[in-house]
Amino acid sequence: MVVIARVVPNWREFKVSQMNQDPASLGLPITPLSFPIPSVINFDVPQVTQNGCPQLSKPGESPELPLWNQSFLFQGRDGATNFSEDTALVLEYYPLTSMKAGESWTLSKPLGVSMLPLKSHLYHKMLAGKGLNGLRVEKLPITDTKLKTITGEAPTVDLSFQLLSSERPENFLTPNNSKVLPILHPQILDEKLSSNRESWSKATVSPRRNSSTSTCQAEEEEPRRPLMSHETEINNYRRAMETMAEDILLLRKQASVLKAENRLLRSHLTQEETEEEEDIADQTQTLGSMQQKLLLSELDMKKLKSKVQHLQNELIRKNDREKELLLWYQAQQPQAALLKRHQDKLRKVTALEETVRHQEKVIEKMERVLEDKLQERNAPPPNRLPGKPSGGENLPADQYTALLAENSRLRAELDKSHHQSAPNIQQQQALPDHLDDTSDKFNLLAKLERAQSRILSLERQLEDSARRWGREKQNLVTRLQEQELGLAHPSDSTVTDLPGQIPQPTPKTTGKPQNQTP
């Protein structure tokens, strides 16, 4: 036996089409086409049919007690709108022998039909559940059938259905997890199916009723048998049997209700136990994960503490180093200013040395001029004009000798001052860049002070020497010019320094050096 399942949007119209043997009710809609130019719209297959999309199951395992471990998937994006007053799940049962025949297989009248209304409260009941969002229906009656059970009762079928809210669900129904689904109460199921079952089997019950009435009429037409004496006793037994039957039916109904309630309670108990086990497992897993996170956080805390301690030590060392650098910088500030002053003084000394060297050159030229004059005085030229006096005749020899001695003395003093200033300059240039010891600092400061005092004394000596050399040079130039002009002065007379009244040299002395002031 196989099962064909479908969800029909209107079970009343489906019932009428099935009674009329409409091919559309069998899931084989026929669309007429107009040729030679059919419309393209006629080839479109509707996604939702009025009679639903049928799905075929696998054959049942046993003919005495068929069992279908088959899942049917009814896909739709309407959600709650699929559950309405007219929507129903229809199961049709067909024999397997007709499908195995060699001739072409066609669907005939089914062996029985089961119908479950899909109303809105079923949708809310499934959403209110936990876990799989499903329900379990037991003993759904099979109507419009001649099949009987071993005990002679009407056959029933058990099924489970699940509401999937995702295109990729994580859990599907299986024979094991479908047992924990909540069971639909039989009383609610009977109330739903009472009106539908009556309207569904109305067409099949009417011919049976006609046959029963004809049988009763035939029996009435038979001659009545004579009543026996024990007819009253039989009637009493009959009434007792009817009462007993009613009691038995009532007890059976109560027993079925109690069984359903027990089954429901057992399912609830099993569900609660499974939920408790799942909660305990989740709590254990959560506790383990929290302990692991706690250990990791403790390790991270230790690492951070060690890192903070290391950074604090580094900060302390850097602060100490910064203090040392600040102290060193503050100590170097006056030394840097002092060094700058010494460098300025060294530059001044260098400039004075340049001036002295320039004056030495001037003095050398003057010496050469004096020597030339002495040679001319000792050996007068033959082409001398008569009556014209010589430039060096009036200058005595002791005066020239005194000038030469003074020139030698000044040269010796200049050389001495030059040799004394050179080591001081080298000593100042050899100062270290970084002073590490306090005693060395004081020694160097004392040396700098001595060098500064020596430089000041040398500067004063150089200034005095430069002034004296300037005066002597001016006197010599004046005397030379007087000799060239023929002016005579006594040997013991002094020449005053009058720079504003220097006479102009004659064309004869154009190559001689001029007055150079320091």
Protein backbone atom coordinates (compact mmCIF):
# COMPACT_ATOMS: atom_id res chain seq x y z
CA MET A 1 0.00 0.00 0.00
CA VAL A 2 1.23 3.46 -0.92
CA VAL A 3 0.13 6.89 0.27
CA ILE A 4 -0.34 10.08 -1.73
CA ALA A 5 -0.24 13.23 0.39
CA ARG A 6 -1.25 16.72 -0.62
CA VAL A 7 -2.25 20.04 0.98
CA VAL A 8 -5.39 21.38 -0.70
CA PRO A 9 -6.40 25.04 -0.25
CA ASN A 10 -10.15 24.17 -0.40
CA TRP A 11 -11.07 20.64 0.61
CA ARG A 12 -14.73 21.06 -0.44
CA GLU A 13 -13.83 21.81 -4.07
CA PHE A 14 -11.29 19.01 -4.03
CA LYS A 15 -13.98 16.58 -2.81
CA VAL A 16 -16.31 17.58 -5.64
CA SER A 17 -13.58 17.25 -8.28
CA GLN A 18 -12.59 13.84 -6.92
CA MET A 19 -16.19 12.63 -7.05
CA ASN A 20 -16.41 13.83 -10.65
CA GLN A 21 -13.16 11.98 -11.51
CA ASP A 22 -11.52 15.21 -12.64
CA PRO A 23 -7.90 14.59 -13.80
CA ALA A 24 -6.88 17.79 -12.03
CA SER A 25 -7.74 16.18 -8.69
CA LEU A 26 -5.19 13.46 -9.45
CA GLY A 27 -2.45 16.03 -9.94
CA LEU A 28 -2.60 15.80 -13.74
CA PRO A 29 -4.03 19.11 -14.96
CA ILE A 30 -4.82 19.20 -18.69
CA THR A 31 -4.40 22.54 -20.48
CA PRO A 32 -5.93 22.89 -24.00
CA LEU A 33 -3.68 24.51 -26.61
CA SER A 34 -4.75 26.27 -29.80
CA PHE A 35 -2.72 25.50 -32.93
CA PRO A 36 -1.03 26.39 -35.20
CA ILE A 37 -0.06 29.45 -33.14
CA PRO A 38 -0.46 28.65 -29.44
CA SER A 39 0.06 31.32 -26.80
CA VAL A 40 3.23 31.30 -24.71
CA ILE A 41 1.15 31.82 -21.57
CA ASN A 42 -0.48 28.40 -22.05
CA PHE A 43 2.87 26.70 -21.43
CA ASP A 44 3.28 28.29 -17.97
CA VAL A 45 2.77 25.76 -15.20
CA PRO A 46 1.10 27.29 -12.11
CA GLN A 47 3.20 26.96 -8.97
CA VAL A 48 0.12 26.52 -6.73
CA THR A 49 -2.76 24.37 -7.93
CA GLN A 50 -6.26 24.30 -6.57
CA ASN A 51 -5.96 20.63 -5.64
CA GLY A 52 -2.46 20.83 -4.20
CA CYS A 53 0.76 19.14 -5.33
CA PRO A 54 0.60 15.36 -4.70
CA GLN A 55 3.60 13.48 -3.26
CA LEU A 56 3.99 9.69 -3.40
CA SER A 57 5.38 7.62 -0.53
CA LYS A 58 7.32 4.39 -0.50
CA PRO A 59 5.39 1.10 -0.17
CA GLY A 60 4.41 0.02 3.33
CA GLU A 61 6.52 -2.65 5.00
CA SER A 62 3.74 -5.08 6.03
CA PRO A 63 0.28 -5.52 4.48
CA GLU A 64 -1.23 -6.32 7.91
CA LEU A 65 0.23 -3.21 9.60
CA PRO A 66 1.71 -0.81 7.03
CA LEU A 67 4.41 1.52 8.30
CA TRP A 68 5.65 4.43 6.20
CA ASN A 69 8.87 6.08 7.34
CA GLN A 70 8.36 8.79 4.76
CA SER A 71 8.72 12.58 4.95
CA PHE A 72 6.62 14.93 2.84
CA LEU A 73 7.79 18.50 2.30
CA PHE A 74 5.16 21.10 1.47
CA GLN A 75 7.05 24.29 0.66
CA GLY A 76 5.39 27.67 0.74
CA ARG A 77 6.30 31.26 1.56
CA ASP A 78 2.86 32.32 2.80
CA GLY A 79 3.43 31.25 6.40
CA ALA A 80 0.34 31.56 8.56
CA THR A 81 -1.93 32.17 5.54
CA ASN A 82 -1.58 28.47 4.60
CA PHE A 83 -3.58 27.68 7.75
CA SER A 84 -7.24 28.59 7.21
CA GLU A 85 -10.71 27.14 7.67
CA ASP A 86 -10.79 25.44 4.24
CA THR A 87 -7.17 24.20 4.05
CA ALA A 88 -6.63 20.53 4.80
CA LEU A 89 -4.01 17.78 4.59
CA VAL A 90 -5.40 14.90 2.48
CA LEU A 91 -3.91 11.37 2.53
CA GLU A 92 -5.07 8.89 -0.16
CA TYR A 93 -4.31 5.17 0.10
CA TYR A 94 -3.83 3.05 -3.04
CA PRO A 95 -3.00 -0.65 -3.46
CA LEU A 96 0.49 -1.56 -4.58
CA THR A 97 -0.65 -4.37 -6.94
CA SER A 98 -2.09 -1.97 -9.50
CA MET A 99 1.27 -0.24 -9.76
CA LYS A 100 3.19 -3.46 -10.35
CA ALA A 101 0.95 -4.60 -13.25
CA GLY A 102 2.41 -4.85 -16.68
CA GLU A 103 -0.21 -2.66 -18.28
CA SER A 104 -0.17 1.10 -18.09
CA TRP A 105 -0.65 2.34 -14.56
CA THR A 106 -3.52 4.73 -13.88
CA LEU A 107 -4.94 5.95 -10.62
CA SER A 108 -8.29 4.45 -9.71
CA LYS A 109 -10.52 5.05 -6.76
CA PRO A 110 -8.46 5.06 -3.53
CA LEU A 111 -8.89 2.45 -0.81
CA GLY A 112 -9.47 5.20 1.75
CA VAL A 113 -8.99 8.85 2.51
CA SER A 114 -7.73 10.66 5.64
CA MET A 115 -8.26 14.37 6.04
CA LEU A 116 -6.75 16.69 8.69
CA PRO A 117 -7.99 20.32 8.74
CA LEU A 118 -5.15 22.86 8.94
CA LYS A 119 -6.73 25.65 10.94
CA SER A 120 -5.05 28.71 12.43
CA HIS A 121 -4.98 27.42 16.01
CA LEU A 122 -2.80 24.50 14.84
CA TYR A 123 -0.27 27.03 13.56
CA HIS A 124 -0.22 28.88 16.89
CA LYS A 125 -0.02 25.60 18.80
CA MET A 126 3.04 24.52 16.83
CA LEU A 127 4.71 27.90 17.36
CA ALA A 128 4.00 27.72 21.10
CA GLY A 129 5.84 24.41 21.38
CA LYS A 130 9.54 23.96 22.12
CA GLY A 131 12.27 22.42 20.08
CA LEU A 132 11.00 21.10 16.75
CA ASN A 133 7.81 23.25 16.45
CA GLY A 134 5.59 20.30 15.56
CA LEU A 135 2.62 18.16 16.60
CA ARG A 136 1.77 14.49 16.64
CA VAL A 137 -1.63 13.17 15.57
CA GLU A 138 -2.68 9.68 16.67
CA LYS A 139 -5.55 7.61 15.33
CA LEU A 140 -6.52 9.85 12.44
CA PRO A 141 -9.52 7.96 10.95
CA ILE A 142 -9.51 6.58 7.41
CA THR A 143 -12.91 7.32 5.87
CA ASP A 144 -14.66 6.11 2.72
CA THR A 145 -13.02 2.68 2.97
CA LYS A 146 -13.91 -0.98 3.24
CA LEU A 147 -10.77 -1.78 5.18
CA LYS A 148 -11.14 -3.20 8.68
CA THR A 149 -8.73 -3.95 11.48
CA ILE A 150 -8.28 -7.38 13.07
CA THR A 151 -10.72 -6.43 15.81
CA GLY A 152 -13.22 -5.18 13.25
CA GLU A 153 -12.82 -1.49 14.02
CA ALA A 154 -12.32 1.31 11.52
CA PRO A 155 -8.66 1.76 10.54
CA THR A 156 -6.68 4.77 11.73
CA VAL A 157 -3.27 6.26 10.95
CA ASP A 158 -0.67 8.08 13.07
CA LEU A 159 1.36 10.95 11.64
CA SER A 160 3.66 13.78 12.79
CA PHE A 161 4.14 17.14 11.15
CA GLN A 162 6.65 19.95 11.71
CA LEU A 163 6.65 23.67 10.90
CA LEU A 164 9.89 24.78 9.21
CA SER A 165 10.61 28.51 9.33
CA SER A 166 13.97 28.39 7.49
CA GLU A 167 15.10 27.18 4.09
CA ARG A 168 17.99 25.36 5.77
CA PRO A 169 16.59 23.83 8.96
CA GLU A 170 18.93 22.25 11.45
CA ASN A 171 16.60 19.51 12.74
CA PHE A 172 14.28 17.20 10.81
CA LEU A 173 11.68 14.77 12.05
CA THR A 174 12.91 11.24 12.69
CA PRO A 175 11.15 8.23 14.24
CA ASN A 176 13.00 8.91 17.49
CA ASN A 177 12.51 12.64 17.98
CA SER A 178 8.90 12.54 16.70
CA LYS A 179 7.92 10.62 19.83
CA VAL A 180 8.63 13.64 22.04
CA LEU A 181 6.31 15.93 20.07
CA PRO A 182 3.14 17.11 21.82
CA ILE A 183 0.09 15.01 20.90
CA LEU A 184 -3.04 16.63 19.56
CA HIS A 185 -5.88 15.92 22.00
CA PRO A 186 -8.38 13.32 20.65
CA GLN A 187 -11.41 15.36 21.73
CA ILE A 188 -10.19 18.37 19.76
CA LEU A 189 -9.47 16.08 16.84
CA ASP A 190 -12.97 14.55 17.01
CA GLU A 191 -14.55 18.01 17.11
CA LYS A 192 -12.60 19.01 14.01
CA LEU A 193 -13.35 15.86 12.08
CA SER A 194 -16.99 15.41 13.04
CA SER A 195 -18.45 17.84 10.54
CA ASN A 196 -15.82 17.14 7.88
CA ARG A 197 -16.22 13.39 8.19
CA GLU A 198 -20.00 13.66 7.81
CA SER A 199 -19.76 15.86 4.73
CA TRP A 200 -16.90 13.79 3.27
CA SER A 201 -18.67 10.44 3.61
CA LYS A 202 -22.12 11.78 2.71
CA ALA A 203 -21.84 10.61 -0.84
CA THR A 204 -20.72 7.13 0.14
CA VAL A 205 -23.21 6.70 2.97
CA SER A 206 -26.26 7.53 0.85
CA PRO A 207 -26.09 4.38 -1.36
CA ARG A 208 -25.57 2.24 1.74
CA ARG A 209 -28.64 3.80 3.36
CA ASN A 210 -30.72 3.00 0.28
CA SER A 211 -29.58 -0.60 0.37
CA SER A 212 -30.43 -0.88 4.10
CA THR A 213 -33.94 0.49 3.56
CA SER A 214 -34.55 -1.96 0.75
CA THR A 215 -33.42 -4.80 3.00
CA CYS A 216 -35.80 -3.70 5.77
CA GLN A 217 -38.68 -3.56 3.35
CA ALA A 218 -37.86 -7.04 2.18
CA GLU A 219 -37.83 -8.26 5.73
CA GLU A 220 -41.18 -6.61 6.42
CA GLU A 221 -42.57 -8.24 3.39
CA GLU A 222 -41.64 -11.60 4.80
CA PRO A 223 -44.32 -13.21 6.95
CA ARG A 224 -43.91 -12.56 10.61
CA ARG A 225 -42.94 -15.54 12.59
CA PRO A 226 -45.03 -16.48 15.53
CA LEU A 227 -43.89 -15.09 18.80
CA MET A 228 -42.47 -17.58 21.26
CA SER A 229 -43.02 -17.65 24.94
CA HIS A 230 -39.48 -16.70 25.67
CA GLU A 231 -39.63 -13.53 23.50
CA THR A 232 -39.97 -11.35 26.55
CA GLU A 233 -36.87 -12.88 28.06
CA ILE A 234 -34.96 -12.30 24.87
CA ASN A 235 -36.00 -8.68 24.86
CA ASN A 236 -34.79 -8.30 28.41
CA TYR A 237 -31.46 -9.85 27.50
CA ARG A 238 -31.31 -7.59 24.49
CA ARG A 239 -31.89 -4.47 26.55
CA ALA A 240 -29.30 -5.63 29.03
CA MET A 241 -26.83 -6.26 26.22
CA GLU A 242 -27.50 -2.81 24.77
CA THR A 243 -26.95 -1.21 28.14
CA MET A 244 -23.79 -3.24 28.59
CA ALA A 245 -22.62 -2.27 25.13
CA GLU A 246 -23.21 1.40 25.88
CA ASP A 247 -21.31 1.03 29.13
CA ILE A 248 -18.50 -0.78 27.35
CA LEU A 249 -18.34 1.93 24.70
CA LEU A 250 -18.34 4.61 27.34
CA LEU A 251 -15.60 2.82 29.26
CA ARG A 252 -13.60 2.35 26.09
CA LYS A 253 -13.97 6.02 25.32
CA GLN A 254 -12.92 6.94 28.83
CA ALA A 255 -10.03 4.47 28.62
CA SER A 256 -8.92 5.98 25.32
CA VAL A 257 -9.15 9.44 26.84
CA LEU A 258 -7.13 8.31 29.85
CA LYS A 259 -4.60 6.62 27.59
CA ALA A 260 -4.27 9.79 25.58
CA GLU A 261 -3.88 11.83 28.74
CA ASN A 262 -1.31 9.36 30.08
CA ARG A 263 0.49 9.45 26.78
CA LEU A 264 0.41 13.23 26.83
CA LEU A 265 1.67 13.31 30.41
CA ARG A 266 4.42 10.82 29.59
CA SER A 267 5.44 12.88 26.58
CA HIS A 268 5.48 16.03 28.74
CA LEU A 269 7.48 14.21 31.40
CA THR A 270 9.93 12.89 28.81
CA GLN A 271 10.19 16.31 27.27
CA GLU A 272 10.85 17.90 30.65
CA GLU A 273 13.47 15.28 31.46
CA THR A 274 15.19 15.82 28.13
CA GLU A 275 15.02 19.57 28.67
CA GLU A 276 16.50 19.19 32.15
CA GLU A 277 19.27 16.97 30.78
CA GLU A 278 19.93 19.46 28.02
CA ASP A 279 19.94 22.30 30.56
CA ILE A 280 22.36 20.39 32.80
CA ALA A 281 24.60 19.62 29.82
CA ASP A 282 24.45 23.25 28.71
CA GLN A 283 25.22 24.44 32.24
CA THR A 284 28.14 22.01 32.51
CA GLN A 285 29.48 23.12 29.16
CA THR A 286 28.98 26.77 30.08
CA LEU A 287 30.73 26.23 33.42
CA GLY A 288 33.68 24.54 31.70
CA SER A 289 33.95 27.32 29.14
CA MET A 290 33.74 29.94 31.91
CA GLN A 291 36.47 28.18 33.90
CA GLN A 292 38.65 28.05 30.82
CA LYS A 293 38.02 31.73 30.15
CA LEU A 294 38.82 32.49 33.80
CA LEU A 295 42.15 30.65 33.55
CA LEU A 296 42.99 32.46 30.32
CA SER A 297 42.06 35.80 31.89
CA GLU A 298 44.26 35.04 34.92
CA LEU A 299 47.19 34.22 32.64
CA ASP A 300 46.59 37.41 30.70
CA MET A 301 46.41 39.34 33.98
CA LYS A 302 49.76 37.93 35.11
CA LYS A 303 51.33 38.82 31.79
CA LEU A 304 49.91 42.33 31.97
CA LYS A 305 51.13 42.76 35.56
CA SER A 306 54.66 41.70 34.61
CA LYS A 307 54.54 44.00 31.61
CA VAL A 308 53.31 46.91 33.75
CA GLN A 309 56.08 46.28 36.29
CA HIS A 310 58.67 46.20 33.52
CA LEU A 311 57.31 49.44 32.07
CA GLN A 312 57.37 51.06 35.52
CA ASN A 313 61.02 50.10 35.95
CA GLU A 314 61.81 51.46 32.51
CA LEU A 315 59.97 54.68 33.38
CA ILE A 316 61.93 55.06 36.63
CA ARG A 317 65.24 54.52 34.80
CA LYS A 318 64.28 57.01 32.11
CA ASN A 319 63.24 59.58 34.75
CA ASP A 320 66.59 59.17 36.51
CA ARG A 321 68.40 59.51 33.21
CA GLU A 322 66.35 62.61 32.39
CA LYS A 323 67.25 64.16 35.75
CA GLU A 324 70.94 63.45 35.14
CA LEU A 325 70.73 64.98 31.68
CA LEU A 326 68.97 68.06 33.06
CA LEU A 327 71.62 68.49 35.75
CA TRP A 328 74.38 68.03 33.20
CA TYR A 329 72.68 70.49 30.88
CA GLN A 330 72.31 73.05 33.67
CA ALA A 331 75.98 72.56 34.57
CA GLN A 332 77.00 72.94 30.94
CA GLN A 333 75.08 76.18 30.39
CA PRO A 334 77.58 78.50 32.19
CA GLN A 335 80.50 76.52 30.77
CA ALA A 336 79.03 76.88 27.28
CA ALA A 337 78.66 80.63 27.79
CA LEU A 338 82.22 80.81 29.14
CA LEU A 339 83.48 78.77 26.22
CA LYS A 340 81.68 81.09 23.83
CA ARG A 341 83.35 84.12 25.43
CA HIS A 342 86.74 82.43 25.19
CA GLN A 343 86.12 81.63 21.55
CA ASP A 344 85.23 85.27 20.90
CA LYS A 345 88.43 86.32 22.63
CA LEU A 346 90.40 83.80 20.59
CA ARG A 347 88.94 85.31 17.45
CA LYS A 348 90.01 88.73 18.69
CA VAL A 349 93.51 87.38 19.44
CA THR A 350 93.65 85.90 15.96
CA ALA A 351 92.69 89.27 14.50
CA LEU A 352 95.36 90.97 16.60
CA GLU A 353 97.92 88.43 15.43
CA GLU A 354 96.99 89.22 11.86
CA THR A 355 97.48 92.89 12.63
CA VAL A 356 100.83 92.17 14.26
CA ARG A 357 101.96 90.12 11.27
CA HIS A 358 100.94 92.94 9.00
CA GLN A 359 102.85 95.38 11.14
CA GLU A 360 105.87 93.08 11.06
CA LYS A 361 105.79 93.22 7.29
CA VAL A 362 105.60 97.00 7.47
CA ILE A 363 108.52 97.08 9.91
CA GLU A 364 110.56 94.83 7.63
CA LYS A 365 109.93 97.15 4.75
CA MET A 366 110.94 100.09 6.93
CA GLU A 367 114.12 98.26 7.92
CA ARG A 368 114.97 97.67 4.31
CA VAL A 369 114.37 101.35 3.61
CA LEU A 370 116.61 102.32 6.54
CA GLU A 371 119.32 99.97 5.36
CA ASP A 372 119.10 101.46 1.89
CA LYS A 373 119.38 104.91 3.39
CA LEU A 374 122.39 103.91 5.45
CA GLN A 375 124.07 102.47 2.40
CA GLU A 376 123.38 105.66 0.49
CA ARG A 377 124.78 107.69 3.40
CA ASN A 378 127.92 105.62 3.64
CA ALA A 379 128.43 105.53 -0.13
CA PRO A 380 127.02 108.72 -1.76
CA PRO A 381 126.09 108.39 -5.43
CA PRO A 382 128.41 110.04 -8.02
CA ASN A 383 125.64 111.71 -9.99
CA ARG A 384 124.60 113.85 -7.06
CA LEU A 385 123.81 117.42 -8.01
CA PRO A 386 125.96 120.07 -6.42
CA GLY A 387 124.29 122.35 -3.93
CA LYS A 388 121.40 119.94 -3.18
CA PRO A 389 121.57 118.46 0.32
CA SER A 390 121.28 114.71 0.87
CA GLY A 391 118.32 113.20 2.70
CA GLY A 392 120.45 111.28 5.29
CA GLU A 393 123.26 113.71 5.86
CA ASN A 394 121.61 115.46 8.78
CA LEU A 395 120.54 112.15 10.52
CA PRO A 396 123.26 111.03 12.94
CA ALA A 397 124.49 107.41 13.05
CA ASP A 398 123.69 106.83 16.71
CA GLN A 399 120.01 107.64 16.00
CA TYR A 400 119.85 104.97 13.31
CA THR A 401 121.58 102.53 15.63
CA ALA A 402 119.02 103.26 18.35
CA LEU A 403 116.17 102.70 15.90
CA LEU A 404 117.64 99.35 14.84
CA ALA A 405 118.06 98.24 18.49
CA GLU A 406 114.49 99.25 19.29
CA ASN A 407 113.27 97.37 16.23
CA SER A 408 115.12 94.21 17.33
CA ARG A 409 113.75 94.50 20.85
CA LEU A 410 110.17 94.86 19.55
CA ARG A 411 110.62 91.86 17.27
CA ALA A 412 111.87 89.70 20.16
CA GLU A 413 108.97 90.77 22.36
CA LEU A 414 106.49 89.99 19.55
CA ASP A 415 107.96 86.52 19.08
CA LYS A 416 107.79 85.88 22.81
CA SER A 417 104.13 86.94 23.02
CA HIS A 418 103.32 84.79 19.97
CA HIS A 419 104.92 81.68 21.56
CA GLN A 420 103.08 82.26 24.83
CA SER A 421 99.65 82.71 23.23
CA ALA A 422 99.89 79.57 21.06
CA PRO A 423 99.82 76.98 23.95
CA ASN A 424 96.89 78.76 25.55
CA ILE A 425 94.93 78.59 22.31
CA GLN A 426 95.74 74.89 21.90
CA GLN A 427 94.77 74.26 25.53
CA GLN A 428 91.40 75.94 25.01
CA GLN A 429 90.77 73.97 21.84
CA ALA A 430 91.54 70.69 23.61
CA LEU A 431 88.76 71.05 26.17
CA PRO A 432 86.70 67.84 26.45
CA ASP A 433 83.12 67.76 25.31
CA HIS A 434 81.76 65.85 28.29
CA LEU A 435 82.94 66.53 31.83
CA ASP A 436 82.37 63.43 33.90
CA ASP A 437 84.27 64.17 37.12
CA THR A 438 83.75 67.16 39.44
CA SER A 439 87.45 67.59 40.23
CA ASP A 440 88.31 67.70 36.53
CA LYS A 441 85.63 70.34 36.07
CA PHE A 442 87.11 72.56 38.79
CA ASN A 443 90.66 72.08 37.43
CA LEU A 444 89.55 72.98 33.95
CA LEU A 445 87.65 76.00 35.23
CA ALA A 446 90.79 77.18 37.06
CA LYS A 447 92.84 76.67 33.91
CA LEU A 448 90.25 78.60 31.91
CA GLU A 449 90.42 81.48 34.37
CA ARG A 450 94.21 81.54 34.21
CA ALA A 451 94.08 81.37 30.43
CA GLN A 452 91.52 84.19 30.40
CA SER A 453 93.72 86.38 32.59
CA ARG A 454 96.75 85.56 30.44
CA ILE A 455 94.76 86.41 27.30
CA LEU A 456 93.66 89.71 28.79
CA SER A 457 97.24 90.59 29.70
CA LEU A 458 98.44 89.62 26.23
CA GLU A 459 95.69 91.72 24.67
CA ARG A 460 96.79 94.72 26.74
CA GLN A 461 100.42 94.10 25.82
CA LEU A 462 99.50 93.77 22.14
CA GLU A 463 97.47 96.97 22.26
CA ASP A 464 100.34 98.84 23.94
CA SER A 465 102.87 97.40 21.52
CA ALA A 466 100.65 98.25 18.56
CA ARG A 467 100.29 101.84 19.74
CA ARG A 468 104.03 102.12 20.35
CA TRP A 469 104.82 100.56 16.98
CA GLY A 470 102.38 102.92 15.32
CA ARG A 471 104.02 105.94 16.92
CA GLU A 472 107.49 104.72 16.04
CA LYS A 473 106.44 103.96 12.49
CA GLN A 474 104.92 107.41 12.15
CA ASN A 475 108.08 108.99 13.48
CA LEU A 476 110.23 107.01 11.07
CA VAL A 477 108.04 107.90 8.12
CA THR A 478 108.12 111.54 9.13
CA ARG A 479 111.90 111.52 9.42
CA LEU A 480 112.29 109.81 6.08
CA GLN A 481 110.08 112.35 4.41
CA GLU A 482 111.99 115.18 6.07
CA GLN A 483 115.26 113.72 4.86
CA GLU A 484 113.91 113.41 1.36
CA LEU A 485 112.72 117.01 1.49
CA GLY A 486 116.02 118.22 2.96
CA LEU A 487 114.71 119.23 6.35
CA ALA A 488 117.24 118.77 9.19
CA HIS A 489 116.52 118.34 12.92
CA PRO A 490 118.82 118.05 15.84
CA SER A 491 119.66 114.55 17.06
CA ASP A 492 118.21 115.07 20.53
CA SER A 493 114.92 116.56 19.32
CA THR A 494 111.66 114.62 19.74
CA VAL A 495 109.09 114.12 17.01
CA THR A 496 105.44 114.51 18.01
CA ASP A 497 102.68 112.30 16.64
CA LEU A 498 100.66 114.59 14.37
CA PRO A 499 98.73 112.31 12.04
CA GLY A 500 96.70 115.16 10.60
CA GLN A 501 99.84 117.11 9.37
CA ILE A 502 101.73 114.42 7.43
CA PRO A 503 103.34 115.99 4.34
CA GLN A 504 102.72 114.40 0.97
CA PRO A 505 105.59 112.31 -0.39
CA THR A 506 107.46 113.39 -3.50
CA PRO A 507 107.35 111.37 -6.71
CA LYS A 508 110.72 109.98 -5.68
CA THR A 509 109.15 107.98 -2.78
CA THR A 510 106.01 106.62 -4.52
CA GLY A 511 107.12 103.01 -3.90
CA LYS A 512 107.56 103.45 -0.13
CA PRO A 513 104.96 102.08 2.37
CA GLN A 514 102.34 104.44 3.72
CA ASN A 515 101.10 104.99 7.27
CA GLN A 516 99.42 101.85 8.72
CA THR A 517 97.37 102.25 11.87
CA PRO A 518 96.48 99.27 13.99
